[in-house]
Amino acid sequence: MKKVIRLTESDLAKIVKRVIKEQEDNDCESLVEGMRYVFKDFMADVKNSDGEESPEDLYDDLESELSGFLSQGEEMDCDNIEHLEEEYEKYLERFRKLLDL
């Protein structure tokens, strides 16, 4: 048996706002996952590299890719922007150590 539920306009507005907020949170969290994926991809490239690209160029490429995620997080006004910044620094530091920069 189906039930009929009555919602006020303000109830409906609250529900819509909550759904939008949850989607934004998921999108922001996906930026962290994206950074992780890009970092792992660059790590694999370095390990399989034939030395064509200089370590500095590889580092600059990674920095550019990861900074794009930071920019997106800022544009989306993510609550986890500090976490994104920490991940950004962590990945760049690990990459510098790998490349002996």
PDB file of N, CA and C in Angstrom:
ATOM      1  N   MET A   1       0.835  -1.171   0.000  1.00  0.00           N
ATOM      2  CA  MET A   1       0.000   0.000   0.000  1.00  0.00           C
ATOM      3  C   MET A   1       0.890   1.247   0.000  1.00  0.00           C
ATOM      4  N   LYS A   2       0.625   2.159  -0.893  1.00  0.00           N
ATOM      5  CA  LYS A   2       1.391   3.393  -1.007  1.00  0.00           C
ATOM      6  C   LYS A   2       0.846   4.427  -0.041  1.00  0.00           C
ATOM      7  N   LYS A   3       1.790   5.254   0.460  1.00  0.00           N
ATOM      8  CA  LYS A   3       1.396   6.321   1.368  1.00  0.00           C
ATOM      9  C   LYS A   3       1.588   7.661   0.668  1.00  0.00           C
ATOM     10  N   VAL A   4       0.745   8.560   0.981  1.00  0.00           N
ATOM     11  CA  VAL A   4       0.847   9.918   0.480  1.00  0.00           C
ATOM     12  C   VAL A   4       1.474  10.769   1.579  1.00  0.00           C
ATOM     13  N   ILE A   5       2.550  11.458   1.198  1.00  0.00           N
ATOM     14  CA  ILE A   5       3.233  12.312   2.156  1.00  0.00           C
ATOM     15  C   ILE A   5       3.088  13.747   1.699  1.00  0.00           C
ATOM     16  N   ARG A   6       2.757  14.613   2.621  1.00  0.00           N
ATOM     17  CA  ARG A   6       2.631  16.024   2.298  1.00  0.00           C
ATOM     18  C   ARG A   6       3.885  16.743   2.773  1.00  0.00           C
ATOM     19  N   LEU A   7       4.465  17.511   1.862  1.00  0.00           N
ATOM     20  CA  LEU A   7       5.645  18.297   2.179  1.00  0.00           C
ATOM     21  C   LEU A   7       5.345  19.771   1.975  1.00  0.00           C
ATOM     22  N   THR A   8       5.860  20.547   2.871  1.00  0.00           N
ATOM     23  CA  THR A   8       5.751  21.982   2.658  1.00  0.00           C
ATOM     24  C   THR A   8       6.843  22.393   1.675  1.00  0.00           C
ATOM     25  N   GLU A   9       6.722  23.573   1.170  1.00  0.00           N
ATOM     26  CA  GLU A   9       7.738  24.080   0.247  1.00  0.00           C
ATOM     27  C   GLU A   9       9.100  24.161   0.934  1.00  0.00           C
ATOM     28  N   SER A  10       9.109  24.561   2.192  1.00  0.00           N
ATOM     29  CA  SER A  10      10.385  24.656   2.914  1.00  0.00           C
ATOM     30  C   SER A  10      10.983  23.270   3.161  1.00  0.00           C
ATOM     31  N   ASP A  11      10.147  22.256   3.421  1.00  0.00           N
ATOM     32  CA  ASP A  11      10.651  20.885   3.572  1.00  0.00           C
ATOM     33  C   ASP A  11      11.318  20.416   2.283  1.00  0.00           C
ATOM     34  N   LEU A  12      10.663  20.680   1.177  1.00  0.00           N
ATOM     35  CA  LEU A  12      11.201  20.278  -0.118  1.00  0.00           C
ATOM     36  C   LEU A  12      12.507  21.017  -0.418  1.00  0.00           C
ATOM     37  N   ALA A  13      12.559  22.286  -0.085  1.00  0.00           N
ATOM     38  CA  ALA A  13      13.783  23.068  -0.306  1.00  0.00           C
ATOM     39  C   ALA A  13      14.932  22.503   0.521  1.00  0.00           C
ATOM     40  N   LYS A  14      14.669  22.121   1.776  1.00  0.00           N
ATOM     41  CA  LYS A  14      15.705  21.527   2.628  1.00  0.00           C
ATOM     42  C   LYS A  14      16.222  20.212   2.030  1.00  0.00           C
ATOM     43  N   ILE A  15      15.325  19.402   1.526  1.00  0.00           N
ATOM     44  CA  ILE A  15      15.715  18.122   0.933  1.00  0.00           C
ATOM     45  C   ILE A  15      16.585  18.360  -0.301  1.00  0.00           C
ATOM     46  N   VAL A  16      16.187  19.281  -1.138  1.00  0.00           N
ATOM     47  CA  VAL A  16      16.958  19.587  -2.352  1.00  0.00           C
ATOM     48  C   VAL A  16      18.341  20.116  -1.974  1.00  0.00           C
ATOM     49  N   LYS A  17      18.415  21.015  -1.014  1.00  0.00           N
ATOM     50  CA  LYS A  17      19.710  21.546  -0.580  1.00  0.00           C
ATOM     51  C   LYS A  17      20.605  20.439  -0.044  1.00  0.00           C
ATOM     52  N   ARG A  18      20.044  19.525   0.727  1.00  0.00           N
ATOM     53  CA  ARG A  18      20.824  18.418   1.287  1.00  0.00           C
ATOM     54  C   ARG A  18      21.366  17.523   0.179  1.00  0.00           C
ATOM     55  N   VAL A  19      20.541  17.214  -0.801  1.00  0.00           N
ATOM     56  CA  VAL A  19      20.984  16.373  -1.924  1.00  0.00           C
ATOM     57  C   VAL A  19      22.097  17.059  -2.707  1.00  0.00           C
ATOM     58  N   ILE A  20      21.941  18.344  -2.975  1.00  0.00           N
ATOM     59  CA  ILE A  20      22.980  19.097  -3.696  1.00  0.00           C
ATOM     60  C   ILE A  20      24.273  19.106  -2.894  1.00  0.00           C
ATOM     61  N   LYS A  21      24.188  19.316  -1.593  1.00  0.00           N
ATOM     62  CA  LYS A  21      25.376  19.343  -0.729  1.00  0.00           C
ATOM     63  C   LYS A  21      26.084  17.986  -0.757  1.00  0.00           C
ATOM     64  N   GLU A  22      25.328  16.903  -0.687  1.00  0.00           N
ATOM     65  CA  GLU A  22      25.921  15.562  -0.724  1.00  0.00           C
ATOM     66  C   GLU A  22      26.619  15.313  -2.056  1.00  0.00           C
ATOM     67  N   GLN A  23      26.033  15.786  -3.141  1.00  0.00           N
ATOM     68  CA  GLN A  23      26.671  15.622  -4.451  1.00  0.00           C
ATOM     69  C   GLN A  23      27.966  16.417  -4.517  1.00  0.00           C
ATOM     70  N   GLU A  24      27.961  17.634  -3.974  1.00  0.00           N
ATOM     71  CA  GLU A  24      29.175  18.450  -3.971  1.00  0.00           C
ATOM     72  C   GLU A  24      30.263  17.785  -3.142  1.00  0.00           C
ATOM     73  N   ASP A  25      29.886  17.226  -1.990  1.00  0.00           N
ATOM     74  CA  ASP A  25      30.857  16.538  -1.146  1.00  0.00           C
ATOM     75  C   ASP A  25      31.469  15.355  -1.892  1.00  0.00           C
ATOM     76  N   ASN A  26      30.639  14.615  -2.592  1.00  0.00           N
ATOM     77  CA  ASN A  26      31.147  13.475  -3.358  1.00  0.00           C
ATOM     78  C   ASN A  26      32.065  13.946  -4.477  1.00  0.00           C
ATOM     79  N   ASP A  27      31.705  15.045  -5.142  1.00  0.00           N
ATOM     80  CA  ASP A  27      32.540  15.581  -6.212  1.00  0.00           C
ATOM     81  C   ASP A  27      33.883  16.034  -5.659  1.00  0.00           C
ATOM     82  N   CYS A  28      33.865  16.669  -4.506  1.00  0.00           N
ATOM     83  CA  CYS A  28      35.108  17.135  -3.897  1.00  0.00           C
ATOM     84  C   CYS A  28      35.977  15.951  -3.492  1.00  0.00           C
ATOM     85  N   GLU A  29      35.370  14.924  -2.965  1.00  0.00           N
ATOM     86  CA  GLU A  29      36.136  13.735  -2.581  1.00  0.00           C
ATOM     87  C   GLU A  29      36.703  13.049  -3.822  1.00  0.00           C
ATOM     88  N   SER A  30      35.991  13.146  -4.928  1.00  0.00           N
ATOM     89  CA  SER A  30      36.508  12.528  -6.153  1.00  0.00           C
ATOM     90  C   SER A  30      37.760  13.251  -6.654  1.00  0.00           C
ATOM     91  N   LEU A  31      37.936  14.510  -6.269  1.00  0.00           N
ATOM     92  CA  LEU A  31      39.160  15.221  -6.636  1.00  0.00           C
ATOM     93  C   LEU A  31      40.375  14.597  -5.957  1.00  0.00           C
ATOM     94  N   VAL A  32      40.213  14.176  -4.705  1.00  0.00           N
ATOM     95  CA  VAL A  32      41.299  13.508  -3.986  1.00  0.00           C
ATOM     96  C   VAL A  32      41.634  12.200  -4.701  1.00  0.00           C
ATOM     97  N   GLU A  33      40.605  11.468  -5.088  1.00  0.00           N
ATOM     98  CA  GLU A  33      40.828  10.214  -5.811  1.00  0.00           C
ATOM     99  C   GLU A  33      41.509  10.476  -7.153  1.00  0.00           C
ATOM    100  N   GLY A  34      41.118  11.540  -7.813  1.00  0.00           N
ATOM    101  CA  GLY A  34      41.736  11.895  -9.089  1.00  0.00           C
ATOM    102  C   GLY A  34      43.210  12.218  -8.939  1.00  0.00           C
ATOM    103  N   MET A  35      43.540  12.945  -7.873  1.00  0.00           N
ATOM    104  CA  MET A  35      44.946  13.262  -7.605  1.00  0.00           C
ATOM    105  C   MET A  35      45.749  11.984  -7.389  1.00  0.00           C
ATOM    106  N   ARG A  36      45.178  11.068  -6.632  1.00  0.00           N
ATOM    107  CA  ARG A  36      45.848   9.802  -6.343  1.00  0.00           C
ATOM    108  C   ARG A  36      46.092   9.020  -7.641  1.00  0.00           C
ATOM    109  N   TYR A  37      45.088   8.995  -8.493  1.00  0.00           N
ATOM    110  CA  TYR A  37      45.205   8.271  -9.762  1.00  0.00           C
ATOM    111  C   TYR A  37      46.305   8.880 -10.637  1.00  0.00           C
ATOM    112  N   VAL A  38      46.321  10.193 -10.757  1.00  0.00           N
ATOM    113  CA  VAL A  38      47.331  10.870 -11.576  1.00  0.00           C
ATOM    114  C   VAL A  38      48.726  10.617 -11.019  1.00  0.00           C
ATOM    115  N   PHE A  39      48.860  10.698  -9.696  1.00  0.00           N
ATOM    116  CA  PHE A  39      50.161  10.463  -9.070  1.00  0.00           C
ATOM    117  C   PHE A  39      50.660   9.049  -9.362  1.00  0.00           C
ATOM    118  N   LYS A  40      49.793   8.070  -9.183  1.00  0.00           N
ATOM    119  CA  LYS A  40      50.192   6.679  -9.446  1.00  0.00           C
ATOM    120  C   LYS A  40      50.569   6.490 -10.912  1.00  0.00           C
ATOM    121  N   ASP A  41      49.850   7.159 -11.790  1.00  0.00           N
ATOM    122  CA  ASP A  41      50.139   7.068 -13.213  1.00  0.00           C
ATOM    123  C   ASP A  41      51.531   7.642 -13.514  1.00  0.00           C
ATOM    124  N   PHE A  42      51.845   8.775 -12.912  1.00  0.00           N
ATOM    125  CA  PHE A  42      53.172   9.373 -13.102  1.00  0.00           C
ATOM    126  C   PHE A  42      54.267   8.488 -12.512  1.00  0.00           C
ATOM    127  N   MET A  43      53.992   7.880 -11.367  1.00  0.00           N
ATOM    128  CA  MET A  43      54.972   6.984 -10.746  1.00  0.00           C
ATOM    129  C   MET A  43      55.271   5.806 -11.674  1.00  0.00           C
ATOM    130  N   ALA A  44      54.243   5.254 -12.267  1.00  0.00           N
ATOM    131  CA  ALA A  44      54.429   4.143 -13.196  1.00  0.00           C
ATOM    132  C   ALA A  44      55.217   4.593 -14.422  1.00  0.00           C
ATOM    133  N   ASP A  45      54.935   5.798 -14.899  1.00  0.00           N
ATOM    134  CA  ASP A  45      55.666   6.324 -16.057  1.00  0.00           C
ATOM    135  C   ASP A  45      57.152   6.465 -15.759  1.00  0.00           C
ATOM    136  N   VAL A  46      57.471   6.921 -14.552  1.00  0.00           N
ATOM    137  CA  VAL A  46      58.884   7.090 -14.182  1.00  0.00           C
ATOM    138  C   VAL A  46      59.574   5.733 -14.118  1.00  0.00           C
ATOM    139  N   LYS A  47      58.914   4.767 -13.541  1.00  0.00           N
ATOM    140  CA  LYS A  47      59.512   3.441 -13.395  1.00  0.00           C
ATOM    141  C   LYS A  47      59.713   2.757 -14.748  1.00  0.00           C
ATOM    142  N   ASN A  48      58.839   3.073 -15.699  1.00  0.00           N
ATOM    143  CA  ASN A  48      58.931   2.465 -17.024  1.00  0.00           C
ATOM    144  C   ASN A  48      59.561   3.403 -18.046  1.00  0.00           C
ATOM    145  N   SER A  49      60.122   4.498 -17.570  1.00  0.00           N
ATOM    146  CA  SER A  49      60.659   5.527 -18.453  1.00  0.00           C
ATOM    147  C   SER A  49      61.944   5.069 -19.131  1.00  0.00           C
ATOM    148  N   ASP A  50      62.119   5.531 -20.351  1.00  0.00           N
ATOM    149  CA  ASP A  50      63.351   5.239 -21.077  1.00  0.00           C
ATOM    150  C   ASP A  50      64.318   6.427 -20.993  1.00  0.00           C
ATOM    151  N   GLY A  51      64.009   7.385 -20.127  1.00  0.00           N
ATOM    152  CA  GLY A  51      64.888   8.529 -19.914  1.00  0.00           C
ATOM    153  C   GLY A  51      64.722   9.634 -20.936  1.00  0.00           C
ATOM    154  N   GLU A  52      63.673   9.547 -21.748  1.00  0.00           N
ATOM    155  CA  GLU A  52      63.439  10.570 -22.771  1.00  0.00           C
ATOM    156  C   GLU A  52      63.180  11.941 -22.167  1.00  0.00           C
ATOM    157  N   GLU A  53      62.359  11.968 -21.108  1.00  0.00           N
ATOM    158  CA  GLU A  53      61.998  13.238 -20.477  1.00  0.00           C
ATOM    159  C   GLU A  53      62.878  13.465 -19.257  1.00  0.00           C
ATOM    160  N   SER A  54      63.287  14.700 -19.066  1.00  0.00           N
ATOM    161  CA  SER A  54      64.122  15.024 -17.909  1.00  0.00           C
ATOM    162  C   SER A  54      63.277  14.939 -16.639  1.00  0.00           C
ATOM    163  N   PRO A  55      63.927  14.657 -15.507  1.00  0.00           N
ATOM    164  CA  PRO A  55      63.183  14.617 -14.235  1.00  0.00           C
ATOM    165  C   PRO A  55      62.471  15.932 -13.941  1.00  0.00           C
ATOM    166  N   GLU A  56      63.095  17.042 -14.304  1.00  0.00           N
ATOM    167  CA  GLU A  56      62.471  18.345 -14.062  1.00  0.00           C
ATOM    168  C   GLU A  56      61.193  18.510 -14.871  1.00  0.00           C
ATOM    169  N   ASP A  57      61.229  18.038 -16.126  1.00  0.00           N
ATOM    170  CA  ASP A  57      60.026  18.126 -16.961  1.00  0.00           C
ATOM    171  C   ASP A  57      58.915  17.236 -16.410  1.00  0.00           C
ATOM    172  N   LEU A  58      59.267  16.042 -15.951  1.00  0.00           N
ATOM    173  CA  LEU A  58      58.272  15.150 -15.354  1.00  0.00           C
ATOM    174  C   LEU A  58      57.648  15.797 -14.121  1.00  0.00           C
ATOM    175  N   TYR A  59      58.498  16.394 -13.303  1.00  0.00           N
ATOM    176  CA  TYR A  59      58.011  17.052 -12.090  1.00  0.00           C
ATOM    177  C   TYR A  59      57.075  18.208 -12.447  1.00  0.00           C
ATOM    178  N   ASP A  60      57.475  19.018 -13.411  1.00  0.00           N
ATOM    179  CA  ASP A  60      56.634  20.145 -13.832  1.00  0.00           C
ATOM    180  C   ASP A  60      55.291  19.664 -14.373  1.00  0.00           C
ATOM    181  N   ASP A  61      55.319  18.562 -15.118  1.00  0.00           N
ATOM    182  CA  ASP A  61      54.076  18.006 -15.657  1.00  0.00           C
ATOM    183  C   ASP A  61      53.148  17.547 -14.529  1.00  0.00           C
ATOM    184  N   LEU A  62      53.726  16.851 -13.557  1.00  0.00           N
ATOM    185  CA  LEU A  62      52.909  16.384 -12.431  1.00  0.00           C
ATOM    186  C   LEU A  62      52.353  17.570 -11.649  1.00  0.00           C
ATOM    187  N   GLU A  63      53.198  18.547 -11.399  1.00  0.00           N
ATOM    188  CA  GLU A  63      52.757  19.734 -10.658  1.00  0.00           C
ATOM    189  C   GLU A  63      51.592  20.419 -11.373  1.00  0.00           C
ATOM    190  N   SER A  64      51.688  20.504 -12.676  1.00  0.00           N
ATOM    191  CA  SER A  64      50.630  21.123 -13.469  1.00  0.00           C
ATOM    192  C   SER A  64      49.328  20.325 -13.378  1.00  0.00           C
ATOM    193  N   GLU A  65      49.443  19.019 -13.512  1.00  0.00           N
ATOM    194  CA  GLU A  65      48.250  18.157 -13.436  1.00  0.00           C
ATOM    195  C   GLU A  65      47.580  18.272 -12.075  1.00  0.00           C
ATOM    196  N   LEU A  66      48.372  18.162 -11.004  1.00  0.00           N
ATOM    197  CA  LEU A  66      47.803  18.192  -9.662  1.00  0.00           C
ATOM    198  C   LEU A  66      47.248  19.561  -9.300  1.00  0.00           C
ATOM    199  N   SER A  67      47.868  20.619  -9.798  1.00  0.00           N
ATOM    200  CA  SER A  67      47.356  21.959  -9.481  1.00  0.00           C
ATOM    201  C   SER A  67      45.978  22.180 -10.101  1.00  0.00           C
ATOM    202  N   GLY A  68      45.692  21.477 -11.193  1.00  0.00           N
ATOM    203  CA  GLY A  68      44.360  21.552 -11.790  1.00  0.00           C
ATOM    204  C   GLY A  68      43.286  21.054 -10.832  1.00  0.00           C
ATOM    205  N   PHE A  69      43.615  20.007 -10.064  1.00  0.00           N
ATOM    206  CA  PHE A  69      42.659  19.502  -9.074  1.00  0.00           C
ATOM    207  C   PHE A  69      42.438  20.525  -7.959  1.00  0.00           C
ATOM    208  N   LEU A  70      43.512  21.197  -7.553  1.00  0.00           N
ATOM    209  CA  LEU A  70      43.367  22.242  -6.533  1.00  0.00           C
ATOM    210  C   LEU A  70      42.472  23.370  -7.032  1.00  0.00           C
ATOM    211  N   SER A  71      42.687  23.772  -8.270  1.00  0.00           N
ATOM    212  CA  SER A  71      41.870  24.852  -8.845  1.00  0.00           C
ATOM    213  C   SER A  71      40.403  24.462  -8.885  1.00  0.00           C
ATOM    214  N   GLN A  72      40.138  23.213  -9.277  1.00  0.00           N
ATOM    215  CA  GLN A  72      38.749  22.749  -9.303  1.00  0.00           C
ATOM    216  C   GLN A  72      38.144  22.771  -7.904  1.00  0.00           C
ATOM    217  N   GLY A  73      38.929  22.339  -6.919  1.00  0.00           N
ATOM    218  CA  GLY A  73      38.437  22.336  -5.542  1.00  0.00           C
ATOM    219  C   GLY A  73      38.109  23.730  -5.058  1.00  0.00           C
ATOM    220  N   GLU A  74      38.936  24.692  -5.435  1.00  0.00           N
ATOM    221  CA  GLU A  74      38.673  26.083  -5.043  1.00  0.00           C
ATOM    222  C   GLU A  74      37.433  26.613  -5.742  1.00  0.00           C
ATOM    223  N   GLU A  75      37.288  26.298  -7.019  1.00  0.00           N
ATOM    224  CA  GLU A  75      36.110  26.752  -7.765  1.00  0.00           C
ATOM    225  C   GLU A  75      34.829  26.157  -7.193  1.00  0.00           C
ATOM    226  N   MET A  76      34.916  24.899  -6.754  1.00  0.00           N
ATOM    227  CA  MET A  76      33.744  24.217  -6.205  1.00  0.00           C
ATOM    228  C   MET A  76      33.513  24.568  -4.739  1.00  0.00           C
ATOM    229  N   ASP A  77      34.420  25.368  -4.158  1.00  0.00           N
ATOM    230  CA  ASP A  77      34.331  25.763  -2.756  1.00  0.00           C
ATOM    231  C   ASP A  77      34.224  24.528  -1.852  1.00  0.00           C
ATOM    232  N   CYS A  78      35.127  23.576  -2.099  1.00  0.00           N
ATOM    233  CA  CYS A  78      35.123  22.316  -1.354  1.00  0.00           C
ATOM    234  C   CYS A  78      35.472  22.531   0.113  1.00  0.00           C
ATOM    235  N   ASP A  79      34.774  21.801   0.958  1.00  0.00           N
ATOM    236  CA  ASP A  79      35.077  21.844   2.382  1.00  0.00           C
ATOM    237  C   ASP A  79      36.419  21.187   2.684  1.00  0.00           C
ATOM    238  N   ASN A  80      36.836  20.272   1.804  1.00  0.00           N
ATOM    239  CA  ASN A  80      38.069  19.526   2.045  1.00  0.00           C
ATOM    240  C   ASN A  80      39.276  20.124   1.308  1.00  0.00           C
ATOM    241  N   ILE A  81      39.254  21.417   1.067  1.00  0.00           N
ATOM    242  CA  ILE A  81      40.337  22.042   0.303  1.00  0.00           C
ATOM    243  C   ILE A  81      41.677  21.882   1.016  1.00  0.00           C
ATOM    244  N   GLU A  82      41.659  21.898   2.351  1.00  0.00           N
ATOM    245  CA  GLU A  82      42.910  21.698   3.090  1.00  0.00           C
ATOM    246  C   GLU A  82      43.462  20.305   2.842  1.00  0.00           C
ATOM    247  N   HIS A  83      42.568  19.330   2.780  1.00  0.00           N
ATOM    248  CA  HIS A  83      42.988  17.954   2.499  1.00  0.00           C
ATOM    249  C   HIS A  83      43.576  17.856   1.095  1.00  0.00           C
ATOM    250  N   LEU A  84      42.955  18.529   0.151  1.00  0.00           N
ATOM    251  CA  LEU A  84      43.482  18.546  -1.221  1.00  0.00           C
ATOM    252  C   LEU A  84      44.882  19.163  -1.248  1.00  0.00           C
ATOM    253  N   GLU A  85      45.051  20.255  -0.524  1.00  0.00           N
ATOM    254  CA  GLU A  85      46.362  20.918  -0.483  1.00  0.00           C
ATOM    255  C   GLU A  85      47.420  20.015   0.157  1.00  0.00           C
ATOM    256  N   GLU A  86      47.028  19.295   1.212  1.00  0.00           N
ATOM    257  CA  GLU A  86      47.961  18.368   1.858  1.00  0.00           C
ATOM    258  C   GLU A  86      48.372  17.236   0.908  1.00  0.00           C
ATOM    259  N   GLU A  87      47.391  16.704   0.197  1.00  0.00           N
ATOM    260  CA  GLU A  87      47.682  15.635  -0.756  1.00  0.00           C
ATOM    261  C   GLU A  87      48.589  16.147  -1.872  1.00  0.00           C
ATOM    262  N   TYR A  88      48.319  17.338  -2.339  1.00  0.00           N
ATOM    263  CA  TYR A  88      49.127  17.972  -3.380  1.00  0.00           C
ATOM    264  C   TYR A  88      50.584  18.051  -2.933  1.00  0.00           C
ATOM    265  N   GLU A  89      50.806  18.574  -1.743  1.00  0.00           N
ATOM    266  CA  GLU A  89      52.174  18.702  -1.221  1.00  0.00           C
ATOM    267  C   GLU A  89      52.820  17.337  -1.008  1.00  0.00           C
ATOM    268  N   LYS A  90      52.058  16.409  -0.485  1.00  0.00           N
ATOM    269  CA  LYS A  90      52.579  15.068  -0.215  1.00  0.00           C
ATOM    270  C   LYS A  90      53.036  14.386  -1.509  1.00  0.00           C
ATOM    271  N   TYR A  91      52.186  14.453  -2.530  1.00  0.00           N
ATOM    272  CA  TYR A  91      52.531  13.794  -3.795  1.00  0.00           C
ATOM    273  C   TYR A  91      53.737  14.446  -4.458  1.00  0.00           C
ATOM    274  N   LEU A  92      53.801  15.764  -4.429  1.00  0.00           N
ATOM    275  CA  LEU A  92      54.949  16.441  -5.035  1.00  0.00           C
ATOM    276  C   LEU A  92      56.240  16.114  -4.289  1.00  0.00           C
ATOM    277  N   GLU A  93      56.170  16.054  -2.968  1.00  0.00           N
ATOM    278  CA  GLU A  93      57.359  15.722  -2.181  1.00  0.00           C
ATOM    279  C   GLU A  93      57.828  14.292  -2.476  1.00  0.00           C
ATOM    280  N   ARG A  94      56.898  13.371  -2.524  1.00  0.00           N
ATOM    281  CA  ARG A  94      57.269  11.982  -2.837  1.00  0.00           C
ATOM    282  C   ARG A  94      57.884  11.878  -4.229  1.00  0.00           C
ATOM    283  N   PHE A  95      57.345  12.642  -5.163  1.00  0.00           N
ATOM    284  CA  PHE A  95      57.857  12.609  -6.536  1.00  0.00           C
ATOM    285  C   PHE A  95      59.251  13.216  -6.600  1.00  0.00           C
ATOM    286  N   ARG A  96      59.451  14.313  -5.859  1.00  0.00           N
ATOM    287  CA  ARG A  96      60.793  14.929  -5.801  1.00  0.00           C
ATOM    288  C   ARG A  96      61.820  13.942  -5.276  1.00  0.00           C
ATOM    289  N   LYS A  97      61.452  13.211  -4.223  1.00  0.00           N
ATOM    290  CA  LYS A  97      62.381  12.227  -3.652  1.00  0.00           C
ATOM    291  C   LYS A  97      62.673  11.113  -4.646  1.00  0.00           C
ATOM    292  N   LEU A  98      61.659  10.673  -5.337  1.00  0.00           N
ATOM    293  CA  LEU A  98      61.845   9.605  -6.326  1.00  0.00           C
ATOM    294  C   LEU A  98      62.804  10.040  -7.427  1.00  0.00           C
ATOM    295  N   LEU A  99      62.669  11.292  -7.837  1.00  0.00           N
ATOM    296  CA  LEU A  99      63.493  11.812  -8.937  1.00  0.00           C
ATOM    297  C   LEU A  99      64.806  12.410  -8.455  1.00  0.00           C
ATOM    298  N   ASP A 100      65.028  12.405  -7.160  1.00  0.00           N
ATOM    299  CA  ASP A 100      66.230  13.008  -6.573  1.00  0.00           C
ATOM    300  C   ASP A 100      66.380  14.488  -6.935  1.00  0.00           C
ATOM    301  N   LEU A 101      65.300  15.216  -6.814  1.00  0.00           N
ATOM    302  CA  LEU A 101      65.323  16.652  -7.116  1.00  0.00           C
ATOM    303  C   LEU A 101      65.516  17.454  -5.843  1.00  0.00           C
TER     304      LEU A 101
END
